[in-house]
Amino acid sequence: MLDREQIIEISVAVSMVLLMLGTMIAIGTQYGGSSGTLSPEGGELLVGAITGFILLMLAVGIGLAYVLNDPEDGLEADDETDADTGSAI
């Protein structure tokens, strides 16, 4: 059985991929030629969409990491162990 966090991650990832595919299809239908080639303006938009998708996925991944991080997982730094390393001589 999948955990709650895994279901959230899967649903966010699938929705982002569907958004990207929709954007690519929209660019292809608007700027595609009759012979199946993409116009230069469409190519620039497609590169921008891919770059935007990468940055969006980066932001979503960082956001999910902060939202789904549980203190019990041990992923946060322990203040006590950091303070012990700077002991006086």
PDB file of N, CA and C in Angstrom:
ATOM      1  N   MET A   1       0.827  -1.180   0.000  1.00  0.00           N
ATOM      2  CA  MET A   1       0.000   0.000   0.000  1.00  0.00           C
ATOM      3  C   MET A   1       0.873   1.246   0.000  1.00  0.00           C
ATOM      4  N   LEU A   2       0.474   2.228  -0.751  1.00  0.00           N
ATOM      5  CA  LEU A   2       1.241   3.463  -0.852  1.00  0.00           C
ATOM      6  C   LEU A   2       0.964   4.372   0.337  1.00  0.00           C
ATOM      7  N   ASP A   3       2.009   5.056   0.769  1.00  0.00           N
ATOM      8  CA  ASP A   3       1.858   6.031   1.837  1.00  0.00           C
ATOM      9  C   ASP A   3       1.201   7.297   1.298  1.00  0.00           C
ATOM     10  N   ARG A   4       0.750   8.133   2.215  1.00  0.00           N
ATOM     11  CA  ARG A   4       0.118   9.398   1.846  1.00  0.00           C
ATOM     12  C   ARG A   4       1.095  10.286   1.074  1.00  0.00           C
ATOM     13  N   GLU A   5       2.345  10.337   1.525  1.00  0.00           N
ATOM     14  CA  GLU A   5       3.349  11.177   0.873  1.00  0.00           C
ATOM     15  C   GLU A   5       3.630  10.711  -0.552  1.00  0.00           C
ATOM     16  N   GLN A   6       3.679   9.395  -0.746  1.00  0.00           N
ATOM     17  CA  GLN A   6       3.930   8.861  -2.082  1.00  0.00           C
ATOM     18  C   GLN A   6       2.786   9.177  -3.031  1.00  0.00           C
ATOM     19  N   ILE A   7       1.555   9.111  -2.537  1.00  0.00           N
ATOM     20  CA  ILE A   7       0.401   9.438  -3.373  1.00  0.00           C
ATOM     21  C   ILE A   7       0.434  10.909  -3.769  1.00  0.00           C
ATOM     22  N   ILE A   8       0.807  11.786  -2.838  1.00  0.00           N
ATOM     23  CA  ILE A   8       0.915  13.214  -3.143  1.00  0.00           C
ATOM     24  C   ILE A   8       1.994  13.449  -4.182  1.00  0.00           C
ATOM     25  N   GLU A   9       3.164  12.832  -4.015  1.00  0.00           N
ATOM     26  CA  GLU A   9       4.259  13.006  -4.968  1.00  0.00           C
ATOM     27  C   GLU A   9       3.883  12.502  -6.356  1.00  0.00           C
ATOM     28  N   ILE A  10       3.221  11.354  -6.428  1.00  0.00           N
ATOM     29  CA  ILE A  10       2.825  10.786  -7.718  1.00  0.00           C
ATOM     30  C   ILE A  10       1.800  11.683  -8.405  1.00  0.00           C
ATOM     31  N   SER A  11       0.806  12.146  -7.654  1.00  0.00           N
ATOM     32  CA  SER A  11      -0.236  12.980  -8.266  1.00  0.00           C
ATOM     33  C   SER A  11       0.319  14.318  -8.744  1.00  0.00           C
ATOM     34  N   VAL A  12       1.239  14.909  -7.991  1.00  0.00           N
ATOM     35  CA  VAL A  12       1.849  16.170  -8.420  1.00  0.00           C
ATOM     36  C   VAL A  12       2.702  15.950  -9.669  1.00  0.00           C
ATOM     37  N   ALA A  13       3.484  14.888  -9.682  1.00  0.00           N
ATOM     38  CA  ALA A  13       4.339  14.620 -10.841  1.00  0.00           C
ATOM     39  C   ALA A  13       3.512  14.337 -12.092  1.00  0.00           C
ATOM     40  N   VAL A  14       2.454  13.545 -11.961  1.00  0.00           N
ATOM     41  CA  VAL A  14       1.612  13.232 -13.119  1.00  0.00           C
ATOM     42  C   VAL A  14       0.915  14.487 -13.628  1.00  0.00           C
ATOM     43  N   SER A  15       0.428  15.328 -12.716  1.00  0.00           N
ATOM     44  CA  SER A  15      -0.233  16.562 -13.163  1.00  0.00           C
ATOM     45  C   SER A  15       0.741  17.508 -13.853  1.00  0.00           C
ATOM     46  N   MET A  16       1.991  17.583 -13.384  1.00  0.00           N
ATOM     47  CA  MET A  16       2.984  18.443 -14.032  1.00  0.00           C
ATOM     48  C   MET A  16       3.337  17.921 -15.432  1.00  0.00           C
ATOM     49  N   VAL A  17       3.446  16.615 -15.572  1.00  0.00           N
ATOM     50  CA  VAL A  17       3.742  16.029 -16.882  1.00  0.00           C
ATOM     51  C   VAL A  17       2.581  16.254 -17.841  1.00  0.00           C
ATOM     52  N   LEU A  18       1.352  16.113 -17.357  1.00  0.00           N
ATOM     53  CA  LEU A  18       0.192  16.377 -18.209  1.00  0.00           C
ATOM     54  C   LEU A  18       0.126  17.843 -18.619  1.00  0.00           C
ATOM     55  N   LEU A  19       0.487  18.740 -17.714  1.00  0.00           N
ATOM     56  CA  LEU A  19       0.555  20.164 -18.050  1.00  0.00           C
ATOM     57  C   LEU A  19       1.596  20.417 -19.133  1.00  0.00           C
ATOM     58  N   MET A  20       2.747  19.771 -19.018  1.00  0.00           N
ATOM     59  CA  MET A  20       3.806  19.928 -20.021  1.00  0.00           C
ATOM     60  C   MET A  20       3.364  19.375 -21.371  1.00  0.00           C
ATOM     61  N   LEU A  21       2.750  18.213 -21.369  1.00  0.00           N
ATOM     62  CA  LEU A  21       2.277  17.642 -22.628  1.00  0.00           C
ATOM     63  C   LEU A  21       1.218  18.528 -23.271  1.00  0.00           C
ATOM     64  N   GLY A  22       0.316  19.081 -22.467  1.00  0.00           N
ATOM     65  CA  GLY A  22      -0.690  19.999 -22.996  1.00  0.00           C
ATOM     66  C   GLY A  22      -0.069  21.243 -23.596  1.00  0.00           C
ATOM     67  N   THR A  23       0.961  21.763 -22.947  1.00  0.00           N
ATOM     68  CA  THR A  23       1.663  22.934 -23.462  1.00  0.00           C
ATOM     69  C   THR A  23       2.362  22.613 -24.780  1.00  0.00           C
ATOM     70  N   MET A  24       3.001  21.463 -24.850  1.00  0.00           N
ATOM     71  CA  MET A  24       3.692  21.069 -26.081  1.00  0.00           C
ATOM     72  C   MET A  24       2.706  20.844 -27.222  1.00  0.00           C
ATOM     73  N   ILE A  25       1.574  20.239 -26.926  1.00  0.00           N
ATOM     74  CA  ILE A  25       0.556  20.026 -27.961  1.00  0.00           C
ATOM     75  C   ILE A  25      -0.008  21.360 -28.436  1.00  0.00           C
ATOM     76  N   ALA A  26      -0.249  22.286 -27.502  1.00  0.00           N
ATOM     77  CA  ALA A  26      -0.769  23.607 -27.885  1.00  0.00           C
ATOM     78  C   ALA A  26       0.223  24.358 -28.765  1.00  0.00           C
ATOM     79  N   ILE A  27       1.497  24.302 -28.424  1.00  0.00           N
ATOM     80  CA  ILE A  27       2.518  24.968 -29.250  1.00  0.00           C
ATOM     81  C   ILE A  27       2.589  24.311 -30.618  1.00  0.00           C
ATOM     82  N   GLY A  28       2.529  22.993 -30.658  1.00  0.00           N
ATOM     83  CA  GLY A  28       2.593  22.283 -31.934  1.00  0.00           C
ATOM     84  C   GLY A  28       1.418  22.589 -32.840  1.00  0.00           C
ATOM     85  N   THR A  29       0.221  22.711 -32.278  1.00  0.00           N
ATOM     86  CA  THR A  29      -0.946  22.994 -33.116  1.00  0.00           C
ATOM     87  C   THR A  29      -0.978  24.449 -33.572  1.00  0.00           C
ATOM     88  N   GLN A  30      -0.473  25.353 -32.754  1.00  0.00           N
ATOM     89  CA  GLN A  30      -0.500  26.765 -33.126  1.00  0.00           C
ATOM     90  C   GLN A  30       0.614  27.139 -34.110  1.00  0.00           C
ATOM     91  N   TYR A  31       1.794  26.567 -33.939  1.00  0.00           N
ATOM     92  CA  TYR A  31       2.959  26.966 -34.724  1.00  0.00           C
ATOM     93  C   TYR A  31       3.452  25.871 -35.665  1.00  0.00           C
ATOM     94  N   GLY A  32       2.733  24.784 -35.777  1.00  0.00           N
ATOM     95  CA  GLY A  32       3.129  23.714 -36.679  1.00  0.00           C
ATOM     96  C   GLY A  32       2.724  24.027 -38.107  1.00  0.00           C
ATOM     97  N   GLY A  33       3.576  23.657 -39.035  1.00  0.00           N
ATOM     98  CA  GLY A  33       3.289  23.868 -40.450  1.00  0.00           C
ATOM     99  C   GLY A  33       2.480  22.720 -41.031  1.00  0.00           C
ATOM    100  N   SER A  34       2.099  22.873 -42.282  1.00  0.00           N
ATOM    101  CA  SER A  34       1.298  21.839 -42.932  1.00  0.00           C
ATOM    102  C   SER A  34       2.104  20.567 -43.201  1.00  0.00           C
ATOM    103  N   SER A  35       3.413  20.699 -43.300  1.00  0.00           N
ATOM    104  CA  SER A  35       4.250  19.526 -43.554  1.00  0.00           C
ATOM    105  C   SER A  35       4.715  18.853 -42.263  1.00  0.00           C
ATOM    106  N   GLY A  36       4.215  19.309 -41.135  1.00  0.00           N
ATOM    107  CA  GLY A  36       4.587  18.700 -39.859  1.00  0.00           C
ATOM    108  C   GLY A  36       5.829  19.304 -39.236  1.00  0.00           C
ATOM    109  N   THR A  37       6.317  20.417 -39.761  1.00  0.00           N
ATOM    110  CA  THR A  37       7.490  21.070 -39.187  1.00  0.00           C
ATOM    111  C   THR A  37       7.047  22.214 -38.282  1.00  0.00           C
ATOM    112  N   LEU A  38       7.895  22.590 -37.386  1.00  0.00           N
ATOM    113  CA  LEU A  38       7.612  23.652 -36.428  1.00  0.00           C
ATOM    114  C   LEU A  38       8.277  24.939 -36.903  1.00  0.00           C
ATOM    115  N   SER A  39       7.557  26.043 -36.812  1.00  0.00           N
ATOM    116  CA  SER A  39       8.115  27.336 -37.234  1.00  0.00           C
ATOM    117  C   SER A  39       9.195  27.775 -36.245  1.00  0.00           C
ATOM    118  N   PRO A  40      10.048  28.722 -36.635  1.00  0.00           N
ATOM    119  CA  PRO A  40      11.085  29.196 -35.703  1.00  0.00           C
ATOM    120  C   PRO A  40      10.508  29.780 -34.405  1.00  0.00           C
ATOM    121  N   GLU A  41       9.395  30.492 -34.521  1.00  0.00           N
ATOM    122  CA  GLU A  41       8.769  31.037 -33.308  1.00  0.00           C
ATOM    123  C   GLU A  41       8.273  29.905 -32.409  1.00  0.00           C
ATOM    124  N   GLY A  42       7.719  28.875 -33.011  1.00  0.00           N
ATOM    125  CA  GLY A  42       7.266  27.718 -32.252  1.00  0.00           C
ATOM    126  C   GLY A  42       8.410  26.980 -31.584  1.00  0.00           C
ATOM    127  N   GLY A  43       9.550  26.917 -32.286  1.00  0.00           N
ATOM    128  CA  GLY A  43      10.730  26.284 -31.696  1.00  0.00           C
ATOM    129  C   GLY A  43      11.228  27.035 -30.480  1.00  0.00           C
ATOM    130  N   GLU A  44      11.225  28.364 -30.570  1.00  0.00           N
ATOM    131  CA  GLU A  44      11.642  29.170 -29.422  1.00  0.00           C
ATOM    132  C   GLU A  44      10.675  28.991 -28.255  1.00  0.00           C
ATOM    133  N   LEU A  45       9.398  28.951 -28.549  1.00  0.00           N
ATOM    134  CA  LEU A  45       8.416  28.725 -27.492  1.00  0.00           C
ATOM    135  C   LEU A  45       8.564  27.337 -26.875  1.00  0.00           C
ATOM    136  N   LEU A  46       8.865  26.356 -27.688  1.00  0.00           N
ATOM    137  CA  LEU A  46       9.048  25.000 -27.181  1.00  0.00           C
ATOM    138  C   LEU A  46      10.264  24.914 -26.260  1.00  0.00           C
ATOM    139  N   VAL A  47      11.350  25.567 -26.629  1.00  0.00           N
ATOM    140  CA  VAL A  47      12.534  25.596 -25.765  1.00  0.00           C
ATOM    141  C   VAL A  47      12.206  26.320 -24.462  1.00  0.00           C
ATOM    142  N   GLY A  48      11.462  27.408 -24.543  1.00  0.00           N
ATOM    143  CA  GLY A  48      11.047  28.126 -23.341  1.00  0.00           C
ATOM    144  C   GLY A  48      10.142  27.281 -22.462  1.00  0.00           C
ATOM    145  N   ALA A  49       9.253  26.508 -23.084  1.00  0.00           N
ATOM    146  CA  ALA A  49       8.357  25.639 -22.314  1.00  0.00           C
ATOM    147  C   ALA A  49       9.134  24.535 -21.609  1.00  0.00           C
ATOM    148  N   ILE A  50      10.123  23.968 -22.281  1.00  0.00           N
ATOM    149  CA  ILE A  50      10.942  22.921 -21.663  1.00  0.00           C
ATOM    150  C   ILE A  50      11.756  23.501 -20.507  1.00  0.00           C
ATOM    151  N   THR A  51      12.325  24.685 -20.696  1.00  0.00           N
ATOM    152  CA  THR A  51      13.077  25.341 -19.626  1.00  0.00           C
ATOM    153  C   THR A  51      12.158  25.671 -18.453  1.00  0.00           C
ATOM    154  N   GLY A  52      10.978  26.184 -18.751  1.00  0.00           N
ATOM    155  CA  GLY A  52      10.019  26.480 -17.697  1.00  0.00           C
ATOM    156  C   GLY A  52       9.587  25.236 -16.952  1.00  0.00           C
ATOM    157  N   PHE A  53       9.431  24.132 -17.678  1.00  0.00           N
ATOM    158  CA  PHE A  53       9.054  22.866 -17.047  1.00  0.00           C
ATOM    159  C   PHE A  53      10.135  22.397 -16.079  1.00  0.00           C
ATOM    160  N   ILE A  54      11.375  22.524 -16.473  1.00  0.00           N
ATOM    161  CA  ILE A  54      12.485  22.113 -15.603  1.00  0.00           C
ATOM    162  C   ILE A  54      12.512  22.964 -14.344  1.00  0.00           C
ATOM    163  N   LEU A  55      12.360  24.281 -14.496  1.00  0.00           N
ATOM    164  CA  LEU A  55      12.361  25.162 -13.330  1.00  0.00           C
ATOM    165  C   LEU A  55      11.136  24.927 -12.449  1.00  0.00           C
ATOM    166  N   LEU A  56       9.990  24.671 -13.070  1.00  0.00           N
ATOM    167  CA  LEU A  56       8.776  24.389 -12.309  1.00  0.00           C
ATOM    168  C   LEU A  56       8.923  23.096 -11.511  1.00  0.00           C
ATOM    169  N   MET A  57       9.488  22.063 -12.129  1.00  0.00           N
ATOM    170  CA  MET A  57       9.681  20.799 -11.417  1.00  0.00           C
ATOM    171  C   MET A  57      10.685  20.961 -10.273  1.00  0.00           C
ATOM    172  N   LEU A  58      11.690  21.810 -10.461  1.00  0.00           N
ATOM    173  CA  LEU A  58      12.643  22.093  -9.394  1.00  0.00           C
ATOM    174  C   LEU A  58      11.927  22.751  -8.220  1.00  0.00           C
ATOM    175  N   ALA A  59      11.106  23.755  -8.508  1.00  0.00           N
ATOM    176  CA  ALA A  59      10.370  24.451  -7.443  1.00  0.00           C
ATOM    177  C   ALA A  59       9.376  23.524  -6.747  1.00  0.00           C
ATOM    178  N   VAL A  60       8.689  22.706  -7.515  1.00  0.00           N
ATOM    179  CA  VAL A  60       7.726  21.766  -6.922  1.00  0.00           C
ATOM    180  C   VAL A  60       8.452  20.734  -6.064  1.00  0.00           C
ATOM    181  N   GLY A  61       9.588  20.251  -6.525  1.00  0.00           N
ATOM    182  CA  GLY A  61      10.354  19.278  -5.741  1.00  0.00           C
ATOM    183  C   GLY A  61      10.852  19.854  -4.437  1.00  0.00           C
ATOM    184  N   ILE A  62      11.351  21.072  -4.470  1.00  0.00           N
ATOM    185  CA  ILE A  62      11.806  21.718  -3.236  1.00  0.00           C
ATOM    186  C   ILE A  62      10.620  21.969  -2.310  1.00  0.00           C
ATOM    187  N   GLY A  63       9.504  22.416  -2.876  1.00  0.00           N
ATOM    188  CA  GLY A  63       8.309  22.644  -2.063  1.00  0.00           C
ATOM    189  C   GLY A  63       7.806  21.373  -1.410  1.00  0.00           C
ATOM    190  N   LEU A  64       7.762  20.292  -2.168  1.00  0.00           N
ATOM    191  CA  LEU A  64       7.325  19.011  -1.597  1.00  0.00           C
ATOM    192  C   LEU A  64       8.288  18.515  -0.524  1.00  0.00           C
ATOM    193  N   ALA A  65       9.574  18.754  -0.707  1.00  0.00           N
ATOM    194  CA  ALA A  65      10.546  18.322   0.290  1.00  0.00           C
ATOM    195  C   ALA A  65      10.315  19.029   1.617  1.00  0.00           C
ATOM    196  N   TYR A  66       9.984  20.313   1.572  1.00  0.00           N
ATOM    197  CA  TYR A  66       9.723  21.046   2.804  1.00  0.00           C
ATOM    198  C   TYR A  66       8.368  20.689   3.406  1.00  0.00           C
ATOM    199  N   VAL A  67       7.364  20.505   2.572  1.00  0.00           N
ATOM    200  CA  VAL A  67       6.021  20.217   3.073  1.00  0.00           C
ATOM    201  C   VAL A  67       5.933  18.804   3.642  1.00  0.00           C
ATOM    202  N   LEU A  68       6.548  17.844   2.975  1.00  0.00           N
ATOM    203  CA  LEU A  68       6.422  16.448   3.391  1.00  0.00           C
ATOM    204  C   LEU A  68       7.503  15.982   4.348  1.00  0.00           C
ATOM    205  N   ASN A  69       8.407  16.868   4.776  1.00  0.00           N
ATOM    206  CA  ASN A  69       9.490  16.492   5.672  1.00  0.00           C
ATOM    207  C   ASN A  69       8.955  16.350   7.092  1.00  0.00           C
ATOM    208  N   ASP A  70       9.126  15.175   7.675  1.00  0.00           N
ATOM    209  CA  ASP A  70       8.734  14.933   9.056  1.00  0.00           C
ATOM    210  C   ASP A  70       9.968  15.026   9.943  1.00  0.00           C
ATOM    211  N   PRO A  71       9.882  15.700  11.086  1.00  0.00           N
ATOM    212  CA  PRO A  71      11.038  15.782  11.984  1.00  0.00           C
ATOM    213  C   PRO A  71      11.475  14.419  12.513  1.00  0.00           C
ATOM    214  N   GLU A  72      10.566  13.440  12.542  1.00  0.00           N
ATOM    215  CA  GLU A  72      10.907  12.120  13.045  1.00  0.00           C
ATOM    216  C   GLU A  72      11.788  11.331  12.090  1.00  0.00           C
ATOM    217  N   ASP A  73      11.900  11.786  10.840  1.00  0.00           N
ATOM    218  CA  ASP A  73      12.701  11.068   9.848  1.00  0.00           C
ATOM    219  C   ASP A  73      14.193  11.213  10.079  1.00  0.00           C
ATOM    220  N   GLY A  74      14.615  12.176  10.882  1.00  0.00           N
ATOM    221  CA  GLY A  74      16.030  12.396  11.132  1.00  0.00           C
ATOM    222  C   GLY A  74      16.718  13.161  10.019  1.00  0.00           C
ATOM    223  N   LEU A  75      15.958  13.882   9.195  1.00  0.00           N
ATOM    224  CA  LEU A  75      16.553  14.629   8.095  1.00  0.00           C
ATOM    225  C   LEU A  75      17.021  16.010   8.517  1.00  0.00           C
ATOM    226  N   GLU A  76      16.542  16.494   9.639  1.00  0.00           N
ATOM    227  CA  GLU A  76      16.941  17.810  10.115  1.00  0.00           C
ATOM    228  C   GLU A  76      18.181  17.695  10.976  1.00  0.00           C
ATOM    229  N   ALA A  77      18.972  18.754  11.032  1.00  0.00           N
ATOM    230  CA  ALA A  77      20.211  18.747  11.809  1.00  0.00           C
ATOM    231  C   ALA A  77      19.892  18.775  13.291  1.00  0.00           C
ATOM    232  N   ASP A  78      20.685  18.058  14.057  1.00  0.00           N
ATOM    233  CA  ASP A  78      20.539  18.034  15.507  1.00  0.00           C
ATOM    234  C   ASP A  78      21.374  19.157  16.093  1.00  0.00           C
ATOM    235  N   ASP A  79      20.764  20.053  16.848  1.00  0.00           N
ATOM    236  CA  ASP A  79      21.510  21.165  17.431  1.00  0.00           C
ATOM    237  C   ASP A  79      22.471  20.702  18.511  1.00  0.00           C
ATOM    238  N   GLU A  80      22.128  19.642  19.218  1.00  0.00           N
ATOM    239  CA  GLU A  80      22.992  19.156  20.292  1.00  0.00           C
ATOM    240  C   GLU A  80      24.291  18.584  19.748  1.00  0.00           C
ATOM    241  N   THR A  81      24.245  17.857  18.652  1.00  0.00           N
ATOM    242  CA  THR A  81      25.472  17.278  18.104  1.00  0.00           C
ATOM    243  C   THR A  81      26.349  18.344  17.482  1.00  0.00           C
ATOM    244  N   ASP A  82      25.747  19.405  16.937  1.00  0.00           N
ATOM    245  CA  ASP A  82      26.537  20.481  16.360  1.00  0.00           C
ATOM    246  C   ASP A  82      27.232  21.279  17.459  1.00  0.00           C
ATOM    247  N   ALA A  83      26.586  21.432  18.596  1.00  0.00           N
ATOM    248  CA  ALA A  83      27.176  22.200  19.692  1.00  0.00           C
ATOM    249  C   ALA A  83      28.315  21.421  20.353  1.00  0.00           C
ATOM    250  N   ASP A  84      28.276  20.101  20.335  1.00  0.00           N
ATOM    251  CA  ASP A  84      29.306  19.299  20.993  1.00  0.00           C
ATOM    252  C   ASP A  84      30.617  19.313  20.225  1.00  0.00           C
ATOM    253  N   THR A  85      30.623  19.568  18.946  1.00  0.00           N
ATOM    254  CA  THR A  85      31.850  19.533  18.164  1.00  0.00           C
ATOM    255  C   THR A  85      32.740  20.746  18.423  1.00  0.00           C
ATOM    256  N   GLY A  86      32.184  21.820  18.961  1.00  0.00           N
ATOM    257  CA  GLY A  86      32.970  23.028  19.205  1.00  0.00           C
ATOM    258  C   GLY A  86      33.385  23.170  20.652  1.00  0.00           C
ATOM    259  N   SER A  87      33.799  22.103  21.287  1.00  0.00           N
ATOM    260  CA  SER A  87      34.139  22.153  22.698  1.00  0.00           C
ATOM    261  C   SER A  87      35.472  22.906  22.897  1.00  0.00           C
ATOM    262  N   ALA A  88      35.624  23.450  24.108  1.00  0.00           N
ATOM    263  CA  ALA A  88      36.816  24.229  24.441  1.00  0.00           C
ATOM    264  C   ALA A  88      38.016  23.303  24.666  1.00  0.00           C
ATOM    265  N   ILE A  89      39.215  23.825  24.445  1.00  0.00           N
ATOM    266  CA  ILE A  89      40.446  23.045  24.603  1.00  0.00           C
ATOM    267  C   ILE A  89      40.917  23.074  26.019  1.00  0.00           C
TER     268      ILE A  89
END
